[in-house]
Amino acid sequence: TDASTIVLACTELPLAARHLTAAGGPELLDPTDLL
């Protein structure tokens, strides 16, 4: 898509994101960091 940033809008997803293998692509933003 045209998204430059992806918001991980579920608090389980950052735990899954530790195991991503994709390199590059959109930035992932974790709202729990911000909270």
PDB file of all heavy atoms in Angstrom:
ATOM      1  N   THR A   1       0.853  -1.191   0.000  1.00  0.00           N
ATOM      2  CA  THR A   1       0.000   0.000   0.000  1.00  0.00           C
ATOM      3  C   THR A   1       0.886   1.237   0.000  1.00  0.00           C
ATOM      4  O   THR A   1       2.100   1.144  -0.091  1.00  0.00           O
ATOM      5  CB  THR A   1      -0.912   0.006   1.236  1.00  0.00           C
ATOM      6  OG1 THR A   1      -0.122   0.282   2.402  1.00  0.00           O
ATOM      7  CG2 THR A   1      -1.623  -1.339   1.406  1.00  0.00           C
ATOM      8  N   ASP A   2       0.280   2.406   0.115  1.00  0.00           N
ATOM      9  CA  ASP A   2       1.053   3.652   0.155  1.00  0.00           C
ATOM     10  C   ASP A   2       1.487   4.025   1.572  1.00  0.00           C
ATOM     11  O   ASP A   2       2.019   5.120   1.785  1.00  0.00           O
ATOM     12  CB  ASP A   2       0.220   4.798  -0.428  1.00  0.00           C
ATOM     13  CG  ASP A   2      -0.016   4.625  -1.929  1.00  0.00           C
ATOM     14  OD1 ASP A   2       0.844   4.001  -2.588  1.00  0.00           O
ATOM     15  OD2 ASP A   2      -1.051   5.098  -2.422  1.00  0.00           O
ATOM     16  N   ALA A   3       1.280   3.139   2.537  1.00  0.00           N
ATOM     17  CA  ALA A   3       1.600   3.465   3.924  1.00  0.00           C
ATOM     18  C   ALA A   3       3.112   3.520   4.135  1.00  0.00           C
ATOM     19  O   ALA A   3       3.833   2.591   3.778  1.00  0.00           O
ATOM     20  CB  ALA A   3       0.982   2.429   4.860  1.00  0.00           C
ATOM     21  N   SER A   4       3.572   4.611   4.702  1.00  0.00           N
ATOM     22  CA  SER A   4       4.991   4.737   5.056  1.00  0.00           C
ATOM     23  C   SER A   4       5.251   4.309   6.493  1.00  0.00           C
ATOM     24  O   SER A   4       6.380   4.030   6.876  1.00  0.00           O
ATOM     25  CB  SER A   4       5.458   6.181   4.867  1.00  0.00           C
ATOM     26  OG  SER A   4       4.692   7.062   5.671  1.00  0.00           O
ATOM     27  N   THR A   5       4.193   4.280   7.301  1.00  0.00           N
ATOM     28  CA  THR A   5       4.270   3.849   8.700  1.00  0.00           C
ATOM     29  C   THR A   5       3.103   2.920   8.980  1.00  0.00           C
ATOM     30  O   THR A   5       1.977   3.179   8.549  1.00  0.00           O
ATOM     31  CB  THR A   5       4.193   5.056   9.655  1.00  0.00           C
ATOM     32  OG1 THR A   5       5.266   5.950   9.384  1.00  0.00           O
ATOM     33  CG2 THR A   5       4.269   4.610  11.127  1.00  0.00           C
ATOM     34  N   ILE A   6       3.372   1.839   9.695  1.00  0.00           N
ATOM     35  CA  ILE A   6       2.325   0.918  10.116  1.00  0.00           C
ATOM     36  C   ILE A   6       2.213   0.992  11.633  1.00  0.00           C
ATOM     37  O   ILE A   6       3.195   0.770  12.351  1.00  0.00           O
ATOM     38  CB  ILE A   6       2.619  -0.531   9.681  1.00  0.00           C
ATOM     39  CG1 ILE A   6       2.615  -0.635   8.156  1.00  0.00           C
ATOM     40  CG2 ILE A   6       1.600  -1.494  10.285  1.00  0.00           C
ATOM     41  CD1 ILE A   6       3.014  -2.010   7.637  1.00  0.00           C
ATOM     42  N   VAL A   7       1.023   1.293  12.111  1.00  0.00           N
ATOM     43  CA  VAL A   7       0.765   1.333  13.549  1.00  0.00           C
ATOM     44  C   VAL A   7       0.363  -0.064  14.001  1.00  0.00           C
ATOM     45  O   VAL A   7      -0.583  -0.657  13.468  1.00  0.00           O
ATOM     46  CB  VAL A   7      -0.352   2.344  13.878  1.00  0.00           C
ATOM     47  CG1 VAL A   7      -0.684   2.292  15.376  1.00  0.00           C
ATOM     48  CG2 VAL A   7       0.060   3.748  13.475  1.00  0.00           C
ATOM     49  N   LEU A   8       1.086  -0.593  14.977  1.00  0.00           N
ATOM     50  CA  LEU A   8       0.753  -1.897  15.551  1.00  0.00           C
ATOM     51  C   LEU A   8      -0.336  -1.677  16.605  1.00  0.00           C
ATOM     52  O   LEU A   8      -0.063  -1.538  17.799  1.00  0.00           O
ATOM     53  CB  LEU A   8       1.998  -2.540  16.158  1.00  0.00           C
ATOM     54  CG  LEU A   8       3.139  -2.815  15.163  1.00  0.00           C
ATOM     55  CD1 LEU A   8       4.348  -3.411  15.883  1.00  0.00           C
ATOM     56  CD2 LEU A   8       2.683  -3.739  14.027  1.00  0.00           C
ATOM     57  N   ALA A   9      -1.574  -1.626  16.136  1.00  0.00           N
ATOM     58  CA  ALA A   9      -2.704  -1.206  16.967  1.00  0.00           C
ATOM     59  C   ALA A   9      -3.347  -2.378  17.700  1.00  0.00           C
ATOM     60  O   ALA A   9      -4.572  -2.487  17.806  1.00  0.00           O
ATOM     61  CB  ALA A   9      -3.738  -0.477  16.110  1.00  0.00           C
ATOM     62  N   CYS A  10      -2.507  -3.268  18.207  1.00  0.00           N
ATOM     63  CA  CYS A  10      -2.918  -4.323  19.123  1.00  0.00           C
ATOM     64  C   CYS A  10      -1.705  -4.609  19.989  1.00  0.00           C
ATOM     65  O   CYS A  10      -0.585  -4.748  19.471  1.00  0.00           O
ATOM     66  CB  CYS A  10      -3.361  -5.583  18.386  1.00  0.00           C
ATOM     67  SG  CYS A  10      -3.681  -6.976  19.504  1.00  0.00           S
ATOM     68  N   THR A  11      -1.885  -4.703  21.299  1.00  0.00           N
ATOM     69  CA  THR A  11      -0.731  -4.805  22.179  1.00  0.00           C
ATOM     70  C   THR A  11      -0.040  -6.160  22.112  1.00  0.00           C
ATOM     71  O   THR A  11       1.068  -6.313  22.637  1.00  0.00           O
ATOM     72  CB  THR A  11      -1.124  -4.494  23.641  1.00  0.00           C
ATOM     73  OG1 THR A  11      -2.300  -5.241  23.993  1.00  0.00           O
ATOM     74  CG2 THR A  11      -1.392  -3.018  23.815  1.00  0.00           C
ATOM     75  N   GLU A  12      -0.649  -7.153  21.466  1.00  0.00           N
ATOM     76  CA  GLU A  12       0.051  -8.417  21.228  1.00  0.00           C
ATOM     77  C   GLU A  12       1.017  -8.330  20.051  1.00  0.00           C
ATOM     78  O   GLU A  12       2.002  -9.084  19.991  1.00  0.00           O
ATOM     79  CB  GLU A  12      -0.945  -9.551  20.972  1.00  0.00           C
ATOM     80  CG  GLU A  12      -1.487 -10.235  22.204  1.00  0.00           C
ATOM     81  CD  GLU A  12      -2.493  -9.385  22.962  1.00  0.00           C
ATOM     82  OE1 GLU A  12      -3.285  -8.669  22.327  1.00  0.00           O
ATOM     83  OE2 GLU A  12      -2.493  -9.433  24.209  1.00  0.00           O
ATOM     84  N   LEU A  13       0.772  -7.437  19.105  1.00  0.00           N
ATOM     85  CA  LEU A  13       1.573  -7.412  17.886  1.00  0.00           C
ATOM     86  C   LEU A  13       3.035  -7.033  18.107  1.00  0.00           C
ATOM     87  O   LEU A  13       3.912  -7.589  17.435  1.00  0.00           O
ATOM     88  CB  LEU A  13       0.916  -6.496  16.848  1.00  0.00           C
ATOM     89  CG  LEU A  13      -0.426  -6.999  16.305  1.00  0.00           C
ATOM     90  CD1 LEU A  13      -0.976  -6.026  15.260  1.00  0.00           C
ATOM     91  CD2 LEU A  13      -0.301  -8.398  15.715  1.00  0.00           C
ATOM     92  N   PRO A  14       3.380  -6.112  19.030  1.00  0.00           N
ATOM     93  CA  PRO A  14       4.803  -5.862  19.258  1.00  0.00           C
ATOM     94  C   PRO A  14       5.560  -7.097  19.745  1.00  0.00           C
ATOM     95  O   PRO A  14       6.749  -7.257  19.464  1.00  0.00           O
ATOM     96  CB  PRO A  14       4.796  -4.757  20.318  1.00  0.00           C
ATOM     97  CG  PRO A  14       3.512  -4.038  20.094  1.00  0.00           C
ATOM     98  CD  PRO A  14       2.534  -5.114  19.723  1.00  0.00           C
ATOM     99  N   LEU A  15       4.879  -7.987  20.460  1.00  0.00           N
ATOM    100  CA  LEU A  15       5.522  -9.226  20.895  1.00  0.00           C
ATOM    101  C   LEU A  15       5.804 -10.132  19.700  1.00  0.00           C
ATOM    102  O   LEU A  15       6.832 -10.818  19.648  1.00  0.00           O
ATOM    103  CB  LEU A  15       4.634  -9.938  21.919  1.00  0.00           C
ATOM    104  CG  LEU A  15       4.475  -9.203  23.251  1.00  0.00           C
ATOM    105  CD1 LEU A  15       3.324  -9.778  24.050  1.00  0.00           C
ATOM    106  CD2 LEU A  15       5.742  -9.258  24.056  1.00  0.00           C
ATOM    107  N   ALA A  16       4.895 -10.122  18.730  1.00  0.00           N
ATOM    108  CA  ALA A  16       5.125 -10.887  17.504  1.00  0.00           C
ATOM    109  C   ALA A  16       6.187 -10.231  16.637  1.00  0.00           C
ATOM    110  O   ALA A  16       6.955 -10.917  15.951  1.00  0.00           O
ATOM    111  CB  ALA A  16       3.815 -11.009  16.723  1.00  0.00           C
ATOM    112  N   ALA A  17       6.261  -8.900  16.675  1.00  0.00           N
ATOM    113  CA  ALA A  17       7.162  -8.161  15.790  1.00  0.00           C
ATOM    114  C   ALA A  17       8.628  -8.450  16.077  1.00  0.00           C
ATOM    115  O   ALA A  17       9.478  -8.229  15.217  1.00  0.00           O
ATOM    116  CB  ALA A  17       6.889  -6.663  15.895  1.00  0.00           C
ATOM    117  N   ARG A  18       8.934  -8.947  17.257  1.00  0.00           N
ATOM    118  CA  ARG A  18      10.314  -9.316  17.565  1.00  0.00           C
ATOM    119  C   ARG A  18      10.820 -10.445  16.666  1.00  0.00           C
ATOM    120  O   ARG A  18      12.022 -10.659  16.555  1.00  0.00           O
ATOM    121  CB  ARG A  18      10.417  -9.764  19.018  1.00  0.00           C
ATOM    122  CG  ARG A  18      10.143  -8.685  20.033  1.00  0.00           C
ATOM    123  CD  ARG A  18      10.165  -9.271  21.420  1.00  0.00           C
ATOM    124  NE  ARG A  18       9.923  -8.244  22.421  1.00  0.00           N
ATOM    125  CZ  ARG A  18       9.742  -8.506  23.717  1.00  0.00           C
ATOM    126  NH1 ARG A  18       9.782  -9.758  24.142  1.00  0.00           N
ATOM    127  NH2 ARG A  18       9.527  -7.522  24.572  1.00  0.00           N
ATOM    128  N   HIS A  19       9.892 -11.158  16.062  1.00  0.00           N
ATOM    129  CA  HIS A  19      10.257 -12.337  15.279  1.00  0.00           C
ATOM    130  C   HIS A  19      10.023 -12.130  13.785  1.00  0.00           C
ATOM    131  O   HIS A  19       9.949 -13.094  13.028  1.00  0.00           O
ATOM    132  CB  HIS A  19       9.470 -13.546  15.777  1.00  0.00           C
ATOM    133  CG  HIS A  19       9.720 -13.842  17.226  1.00  0.00           C
ATOM    134  ND1 HIS A  19      10.850 -14.477  17.682  1.00  0.00           N
ATOM    135  CD2 HIS A  19       8.990 -13.526  18.334  1.00  0.00           C
ATOM    136  CE1 HIS A  19      10.813 -14.582  18.996  1.00  0.00           C
ATOM    137  NE2 HIS A  19       9.691 -14.009  19.422  1.00  0.00           N
ATOM    138  N   LEU A  20       9.905 -10.880  13.366  1.00  0.00           N
ATOM    139  CA  LEU A  20       9.775 -10.598  11.947  1.00  0.00           C
ATOM    140  C   LEU A  20      11.079 -10.892  11.217  1.00  0.00           C
ATOM    141  O   LEU A  20      12.170 -10.714  11.771  1.00  0.00           O
ATOM    142  CB  LEU A  20       9.391  -9.132  11.724  1.00  0.00           C
ATOM    143  CG  LEU A  20       7.986  -8.698  12.138  1.00  0.00           C
ATOM    144  CD1 LEU A  20       7.809  -7.213  11.894  1.00  0.00           C
ATOM    145  CD2 LEU A  20       6.925  -9.487  11.393  1.00  0.00           C
ATOM    146  N   THR A  21      10.941 -11.292   9.970  1.00  0.00           N
ATOM    147  CA  THR A  21      12.122 -11.534   9.141  1.00  0.00           C
ATOM    148  C   THR A  21      12.227 -10.545   7.997  1.00  0.00           C
ATOM    149  O   THR A  21      13.280 -10.425   7.375  1.00  0.00           O
ATOM    150  CB  THR A  21      12.097 -12.955   8.554  1.00  0.00           C
ATOM    151  OG1 THR A  21      10.912 -13.109   7.754  1.00  0.00           O
ATOM    152  CG2 THR A  21      12.088 -13.995   9.669  1.00  0.00           C
ATOM    153  N   ALA A  22      11.140  -9.822   7.701  1.00  0.00           N
ATOM    154  CA  ALA A  22      11.145  -8.883   6.579  1.00  0.00           C
ATOM    155  C   ALA A  22      12.092  -7.731   6.863  1.00  0.00           C
ATOM    156  O   ALA A  22      12.082  -7.149   7.950  1.00  0.00           O
ATOM    157  CB  ALA A  22       9.730  -8.349   6.314  1.00  0.00           C
ATOM    158  N   ALA A  23      12.914  -7.406   5.886  1.00  0.00           N
ATOM    159  CA  ALA A  23      13.824  -6.259   5.993  1.00  0.00           C
ATOM    160  C   ALA A  23      13.286  -5.113   5.152  1.00  0.00           C
ATOM    161  O   ALA A  23      12.675  -5.331   4.109  1.00  0.00           O
ATOM    162  CB  ALA A  23      15.224  -6.638   5.531  1.00  0.00           C
ATOM    163  N   GLY A  24      13.548  -3.888   5.605  1.00  0.00           N
ATOM    164  CA  GLY A  24      13.054  -2.734   4.868  1.00  0.00           C
ATOM    165  C   GLY A  24      11.548  -2.600   5.022  1.00  0.00           C
ATOM    166  O   GLY A  24      10.934  -3.157   5.921  1.00  0.00           O
ATOM    167  N   GLY A  25      10.947  -1.856   4.113  1.00  0.00           N
ATOM    168  CA  GLY A  25       9.504  -1.669   4.154  1.00  0.00           C
ATOM    169  C   GLY A  25       9.091  -0.562   5.087  1.00  0.00           C
ATOM    170  O   GLY A  25       9.925   0.208   5.592  1.00  0.00           O
ATOM    171  N   PRO A  26       7.790  -0.451   5.375  1.00  0.00           N
ATOM    172  CA  PRO A  26       7.293   0.639   6.212  1.00  0.00           C
ATOM    173  C   PRO A  26       7.844   0.568   7.632  1.00  0.00           C
ATOM    174  O   PRO A  26       8.178  -0.505   8.142  1.00  0.00           O
ATOM    175  CB  PRO A  26       5.769   0.412   6.204  1.00  0.00           C
ATOM    176  CG  PRO A  26       5.505  -0.464   5.033  1.00  0.00           C
ATOM    177  CD  PRO A  26       6.719  -1.325   4.870  1.00  0.00           C
ATOM    178  N   GLU A  27       7.931   1.716   8.259  1.00  0.00           N
ATOM    179  CA  GLU A  27       8.298   1.778   9.665  1.00  0.00           C
ATOM    180  C   GLU A  27       7.160   1.217  10.504  1.00  0.00           C
ATOM    181  O   GLU A  27       5.982   1.442  10.211  1.00  0.00           O
ATOM    182  CB  GLU A  27       8.555   3.236  10.064  1.00  0.00           C
ATOM    183  CG  GLU A  27       8.889   3.410  11.526  1.00  0.00           C
ATOM    184  CD  GLU A  27       9.007   4.872  11.916  1.00  0.00           C
ATOM    185  OE1 GLU A  27       8.316   5.704  11.302  1.00  0.00           O
ATOM    186  OE2 GLU A  27       9.778   5.166  12.836  1.00  0.00           O
ATOM    187  N   LEU A  28       7.495   0.476  11.557  1.00  0.00           N
ATOM    188  CA  LEU A  28       6.493  -0.039  12.483  1.00  0.00           C
ATOM    189  C   LEU A  28       6.484   0.833  13.732  1.00  0.00           C
ATOM    190  O   LEU A  28       7.533   1.068  14.337  1.00  0.00           O
ATOM    191  CB  LEU A  28       6.804  -1.489  12.863  1.00  0.00           C
ATOM    192  CG  LEU A  28       6.940  -2.482  11.712  1.00  0.00           C
ATOM    193  CD1 LEU A  28       7.168  -3.885  12.263  1.00  0.00           C
ATOM    194  CD2 LEU A  28       5.719  -2.444  10.805  1.00  0.00           C
ATOM    195  N   LEU A  29       5.320   1.302  14.106  1.00  0.00           N
ATOM    196  CA  LEU A  29       5.185   2.171  15.275  1.00  0.00           C
ATOM    197  C   LEU A  29       4.413   1.437  16.358  1.00  0.00           C
ATOM    198  O   LEU A  29       3.296   0.948  16.126  1.00  0.00           O
ATOM    199  CB  LEU A  29       4.453   3.459  14.895  1.00  0.00           C
ATOM    200  CG  LEU A  29       4.261   4.482  16.016  1.00  0.00           C
ATOM    201  CD1 LEU A  29       5.610   4.977  16.544  1.00  0.00           C
ATOM    202  CD2 LEU A  29       3.424   5.666  15.536  1.00  0.00           C
ATOM    203  N   ASP A  30       5.009   1.343  17.546  1.00  0.00           N
ATOM    204  CA  ASP A  30       4.400   0.650  18.673  1.00  0.00           C
ATOM    205  C   ASP A  30       3.793   1.672  19.639  1.00  0.00           C
ATOM    206  O   ASP A  30       4.522   2.367  20.354  1.00  0.00           O
ATOM    207  CB  ASP A  30       5.475  -0.183  19.387  1.00  0.00           C
ATOM    208  CG  ASP A  30       4.927  -0.930  20.594  1.00  0.00           C
ATOM    209  OD1 ASP A  30       3.734  -0.777  20.905  1.00  0.00           O
ATOM    210  OD2 ASP A  30       5.714  -1.651  21.226  1.00  0.00           O
ATOM    211  N   PRO A  31       2.474   1.782  19.706  1.00  0.00           N
ATOM    212  CA  PRO A  31       1.851   2.763  20.598  1.00  0.00           C
ATOM    213  C   PRO A  31       2.130   2.536  22.074  1.00  0.00           C
ATOM    214  O   PRO A  31       2.043   3.478  22.866  1.00  0.00           O
ATOM    215  CB  PRO A  31       0.356   2.609  20.294  1.00  0.00           C
ATOM    216  CG  PRO A  31       0.315   2.128  18.877  1.00  0.00           C
ATOM    217  CD  PRO A  31       1.474   1.181  18.787  1.00  0.00           C
ATOM    218  N   THR A  32       2.482   1.301  22.474  1.00  0.00           N
ATOM    219  CA  THR A  32       2.770   1.103  23.888  1.00  0.00           C
ATOM    220  C   THR A  32       4.068   1.792  24.300  1.00  0.00           C
ATOM    221  O   THR A  32       4.216   2.188  25.465  1.00  0.00           O
ATOM    222  CB  THR A  32       2.822  -0.390  24.255  1.00  0.00           C
ATOM    223  OG1 THR A  32       3.818  -1.047  23.476  1.00  0.00           O
ATOM    224  CG2 THR A  32       1.477  -1.046  24.022  1.00  0.00           C
ATOM    225  N   ASP A  33       5.007   1.949  23.365  1.00  0.00           N
ATOM    226  CA  ASP A  33       6.182   2.781  23.655  1.00  0.00           C
ATOM    227  C   ASP A  33       5.754   4.208  23.980  1.00  0.00           C
ATOM    228  O   ASP A  33       6.253   4.835  24.918  1.00  0.00           O
ATOM    229  CB  ASP A  33       7.135   2.821  22.455  1.00  0.00           C
ATOM    230  CG  ASP A  33       7.903   1.528  22.248  1.00  0.00           C
ATOM    231  OD1 ASP A  33       7.987   0.712  23.179  1.00  0.00           O
ATOM    232  OD2 ASP A  33       8.423   1.346  21.135  1.00  0.00           O
ATOM    233  N   LEU A  34       4.845   4.719  23.176  1.00  0.00           N
ATOM    234  CA  LEU A  34       4.388   6.098  23.352  1.00  0.00           C
ATOM    235  C   LEU A  34       3.607   6.262  24.644  1.00  0.00           C
ATOM    236  O   LEU A  34       3.706   7.291  25.325  1.00  0.00           O
ATOM    237  CB  LEU A  34       3.526   6.520  22.159  1.00  0.00           C
ATOM    238  CG  LEU A  34       4.156   6.326  20.777  1.00  0.00           C
ATOM    239  CD1 LEU A  34       3.167   6.706  19.682  1.00  0.00           C
ATOM    240  CD2 LEU A  34       5.443   7.135  20.651  1.00  0.00           C
ATOM    241  N   LEU A  35       2.825   5.238  24.996  1.00  0.00           N
ATOM    242  CA  LEU A  35       2.064   5.302  26.243  1.00  0.00           C
ATOM    243  C   LEU A  35       3.005   5.279  27.448  1.00  0.00           C
ATOM    244  O   LEU A  35       2.804   6.030  28.415  1.00  0.00           O
ATOM    245  CB  LEU A  35       1.081   4.133  26.307  1.00  0.00           C
ATOM    246  CG  LEU A  35       0.113   4.130  27.485  1.00  0.00           C
ATOM    247  CD1 LEU A  35      -0.778   5.368  27.462  1.00  0.00           C
ATOM    248  CD2 LEU A  35      -0.734   2.857  27.482  1.00  0.00           C
TER     249      LEU A  35
END
